[in-house]
Structures are given as structure tokens and as C-alpha cells.
Protein backbone atom coordinates (compact mmCIF):
# COMPACT_ATOMS: atom_id res chain seq x y z
CA UNK A 1 -2.76 22.49 -0.45
CA UNK A 2 0.97 22.74 0.01
CA UNK A 3 3.32 22.82 2.95
CA UNK A 4 5.27 25.85 1.78
CA UNK A 5 7.83 24.10 -0.42
CA UNK A 6 9.17 26.59 -2.94
CA UNK A 7 9.68 23.83 -5.54
CA UNK A 8 6.05 22.70 -5.33
CA UNK A 9 4.86 26.31 -5.50
CA UNK A 10 7.00 26.89 -8.59
CA UNK A 11 5.63 23.76 -10.26
CA UNK A 12 2.05 24.84 -9.56
CA UNK A 13 2.71 28.25 -11.10
CA UNK A 14 4.38 26.66 -14.13
CA UNK A 15 1.46 24.30 -14.79
CA UNK A 16 -1.54 26.43 -13.79
CA UNK A 17 -0.22 29.99 -13.92
CA UNK A 18 -2.34 32.72 -12.37
CA UNK A 19 -5.41 30.46 -12.24
CA UNK A 20 -3.97 28.41 -9.39
CA UNK A 21 -5.45 28.88 -5.95
CA UNK A 22 -2.97 27.71 -3.34
CA UNK A 23 -3.81 26.95 0.28
CA UNK A 24 -0.80 26.78 2.57
CA UNK A 25 -1.02 24.24 5.37
CA UNK A 26 -1.95 26.06 8.56
CA UNK A 27 -0.57 23.30 10.79
CA UNK A 28 2.85 23.70 9.15
CA UNK A 29 2.62 27.48 9.46
CA UNK A 30 1.81 27.31 13.18
CA UNK A 31 4.61 24.77 13.74
CA UNK A 32 7.14 26.82 11.74
CA UNK A 33 6.35 29.97 13.73
CA UNK A 34 6.28 28.38 17.19
CA UNK A 35 9.51 26.45 16.73
CA UNK A 36 11.26 29.81 16.48
CA UNK A 37 9.84 30.97 19.81
CA UNK A 38 10.67 30.21 23.45
CA UNK A 39 8.35 27.67 25.09
CA UNK A 40 6.40 30.12 27.31
CA UNK A 41 5.14 32.05 24.25
CA UNK A 42 4.01 29.00 22.21
CA UNK A 43 0.50 28.71 23.62
CA UNK A 44 -0.33 32.38 23.23
CA UNK A 45 0.91 32.58 19.63
CA UNK A 46 -0.85 29.31 18.66
CA UNK A 47 -4.10 30.62 20.14
CA UNK A 48 -3.87 33.91 18.27
CA UNK A 49 -3.09 32.14 14.99
CA UNK A 50 -5.93 29.62 15.36
CA UNK A 51 -8.38 32.39 16.28
CA UNK A 52 -7.28 34.52 13.31
CA UNK A 53 -7.82 31.60 10.91
CA UNK A 54 -11.48 31.50 12.00
CA UNK A 55 -12.04 35.13 11.02
CA UNK A 56 -12.94 36.44 7.57
CA UNK A 57 -9.86 36.89 5.38
CA UNK A 58 -9.34 40.63 5.83
CA UNK A 59 -9.72 40.59 9.63
CA UNK A 60 -7.65 37.43 10.02
CA UNK A 61 -4.79 38.82 7.95
CA UNK A 62 -4.87 42.05 9.97
CA UNK A 63 -4.78 40.10 13.24
CA UNK A 64 -1.79 38.00 12.12
CA UNK A 65 0.08 41.05 10.79
CA UNK A 66 -0.46 42.66 14.19
CA UNK A 67 0.88 39.47 15.82
CA UNK A 68 3.94 39.57 13.54
CA UNK A 69 4.55 43.20 14.46
CA UNK A 70 4.45 42.24 18.14
CA UNK A 71 6.81 39.30 17.54
CA UNK A 72 9.26 41.31 15.41
CA UNK A 73 10.81 43.15 18.36
CA UNK A 74 12.05 40.09 20.26
CA UNK A 75 11.60 37.22 17.77
CA UNK A 76 12.24 38.51 14.23
CA UNK A 77 12.66 34.97 12.81
CA UNK A 78 9.19 33.97 14.03
CA UNK A 79 7.69 37.19 12.66
CA UNK A 80 9.29 36.59 9.25
CA UNK A 81 8.05 33.01 9.24
CA UNK A 82 4.54 34.19 10.07
CA UNK A 83 4.48 36.78 7.27
CA UNK A 84 5.99 34.50 4.62
CA UNK A 85 3.14 33.26 2.41
CA UNK A 86 0.56 34.57 4.88
CA UNK A 87 -2.10 35.38 2.27
CA UNK A 88 -2.01 31.78 1.03
CA UNK A 89 -3.06 30.50 4.46
CA UNK A 90 -6.39 32.30 3.94
CA UNK A 91 -7.39 30.88 0.55
CA UNK A 92 -10.19 28.78 2.05
CA UNK A 93 -11.47 31.87 3.89
CA UNK A 94 -11.41 33.88 0.66
CA UNK A 95 -13.47 31.16 -1.04
CA UNK A 96 -16.01 31.36 1.82
CA UNK A 97 -16.16 27.59 2.27
CA UNK A 98 -18.14 25.91 5.02
CA UNK A 99 -16.32 25.43 8.34
CA UNK A 100 -16.00 21.66 7.79
CA UNK A 101 -14.45 22.10 4.34
CA UNK A 102 -12.20 24.87 5.62
CA UNK A 103 -10.90 22.60 8.36
CA UNK A 104 -10.27 19.72 5.98
CA UNK A 105 -8.76 21.76 3.15
CA UNK A 106 -6.50 23.98 5.26
CA UNK A 107 -4.12 21.17 6.15
CA UNK A 108 -1.95 18.78 4.16
CA UNK A 109 -3.00 15.89 6.46
CA UNK A 110 -5.24 14.49 3.72
CA UNK A 111 -2.10 14.08 1.58
CA UNK A 112 0.46 13.23 4.25
CA UNK A 113 -1.53 10.42 5.88
CA UNK A 114 -1.46 8.04 2.89
CA UNK A 115 2.13 9.00 2.13
CA UNK A 116 3.10 7.99 5.68
CA UNK A 117 1.50 4.58 5.15
CA UNK A 118 3.44 4.17 1.91
CA UNK A 119 6.69 5.00 3.72
CA UNK A 120 5.83 2.50 6.43
CA UNK A 121 4.92 -0.32 4.04
CA UNK A 122 7.84 0.22 1.65
CA UNK A 123 10.37 0.97 4.39
CA UNK A 124 11.35 -2.71 4.65
CA UNK A 125 12.43 -2.95 1.02
CA UNK A 126 16.19 -2.58 0.71
CA UNK A 127 16.76 -3.16 -2.99
CA UNK A 128 14.42 -2.07 -5.75
CA UNK A 129 15.00 -4.37 -8.75
CA UNK A 130 13.09 -2.45 -11.39
CA UNK A 131 10.40 0.23 -11.88
CA UNK A 132 7.66 -2.40 -11.97
CA UNK A 133 8.63 -3.52 -8.45
CA UNK A 134 8.39 0.07 -7.24
CA UNK A 135 4.97 0.40 -8.86
CA UNK A 136 3.70 -2.86 -7.31
CA UNK A 137 4.88 -1.91 -3.83
CA UNK A 138 3.50 1.63 -4.11
CA UNK A 139 0.16 0.25 -5.31
CA UNK A 140 0.04 -2.25 -2.45
CA UNK A 141 0.93 0.50 0.03
CA UNK A 142 -1.79 2.86 -1.21
CA UNK A 143 -4.32 0.02 -1.11
CA UNK A 144 -3.28 -0.53 2.51
CA UNK A 145 -3.64 3.20 3.21
CA UNK A 146 -7.09 3.15 1.60
CA UNK A 147 -8.36 0.91 4.40
CA UNK A 148 -8.01 3.83 6.80
CA UNK A 149 -9.65 6.42 4.54
CA UNK A 150 -12.76 8.15 5.77
CA UNK A 151 -14.98 10.65 4.05
CA UNK A 152 -13.67 14.15 3.63
CA UNK A 153 -15.09 16.32 6.38
CA UNK A 154 -17.81 18.38 4.79
CA UNK A 155 -18.04 16.14 1.71
CA UNK A 156 -21.71 17.08 1.35
CA UNK A 157 -20.60 20.68 0.86
CA UNK A 158 -18.13 20.00 -1.96
CA UNK A 159 -20.54 21.73 -4.32
CA UNK A 160 -19.70 24.97 -2.44
CA UNK A 161 -16.06 24.49 -3.42
CA UNK A 162 -17.09 23.90 -7.04
CA UNK A 163 -19.16 27.08 -7.09
CA UNK A 164 -16.35 29.03 -5.41
CA UNK A 165 -13.96 27.83 -8.10
CA UNK A 166 -16.38 29.04 -10.77
CA UNK A 167 -17.72 25.70 -11.85
CA UNK A 168 -21.37 24.93 -12.30
CA UNK A 169 -22.94 22.59 -9.82
CA UNK A 170 -22.86 19.09 -11.23
CA UNK A 171 -26.04 17.07 -11.52
CA UNK A 172 -24.12 14.17 -10.01
CA UNK A 173 -24.91 13.34 -6.41
CA UNK A 174 -22.20 12.42 -3.96
CA UNK A 175 -22.77 8.86 -2.83
CA UNK A 176 -23.62 8.89 0.87
């Protein structure tokens, strides 16, 4: 799951090559498209995008390409933003995950939430004395963030993700 950063995408390709499956954050995609549009059009475009993400990959991509074509005449920036990395917003659809897993794994919220807590906790520190101090504060901040963690939505279906990625189902049971 990435937010569209070209540097992160490049690093993923460098480490994992063609084997990497990348899911672009749909919330970021919707926000990036709508911020390039006038206010009256926001709701309609958001609705179309959210509806398309619920469709199977082929139909959803076709719907969003049609939306981009419609946008291109009056809002070419929004259309370009919509088309950029579009296929990567449908990775969870291509894997045919359960709706709960699709919802959880189509957004970077699972990553950004703890990072926000770390920023909040470490934001008061003005002077970092040494790397060990940074490590202690980061550890304390992630332990604080952990207090707010809940189960991943659809955690019981994680085996579906494993199968979709070509792994055999583990004999291990997820602790309820």
C-alpha cells in the first residue's frame, strides 16, 4: 500500500522487482482528483470513483476511464490525476479479496495512523542528542500508538490474501 510517492514506488521495484503487487491508496487518489475540481463536481466524482472501486477490476477500470474522458474536456488536470497509476488502485480487486480485506488494504490509514501518533509524541522534542535517543522516543511513541490498535478488518480472511499471493494456507490459526 502506497500513497503514490514515486520514490517509494521506485524502492519497491528495486527490492522486489516484477513480483511486487502494489495497491495505491484510494483515499489519496480520490482526494488528489477532487482537489483539482470545482466544489459542485466533488460529490459526483467521489461517488463515481467509490462505486467503480466496488466493481470487478475490468469494469471498474472501464468506468474510471470513462469518468476521466468526461473530465478531460473541462478539467484535464483532474483527468490526468485519475489516470495516473489507475491500475494500481485495483490490485485488491484483482486479487479477489473479501470486501472487508479490500476496504482495509486499499488505504494507507493502517500505516498513517501510527505514524501520526509518533509525530504527536515526538513533536515536543527540540534537540535529538544521539541516535539512541531517537530510537527510545520512537519506541515509546509506537508503544503509545499500539494502545489504539484494533484488529485488521477481515483478519479472519487473511488466508485469502495468502492464497491470492500464491502461498499455501498456513496451519497456524489467527488468535481470536
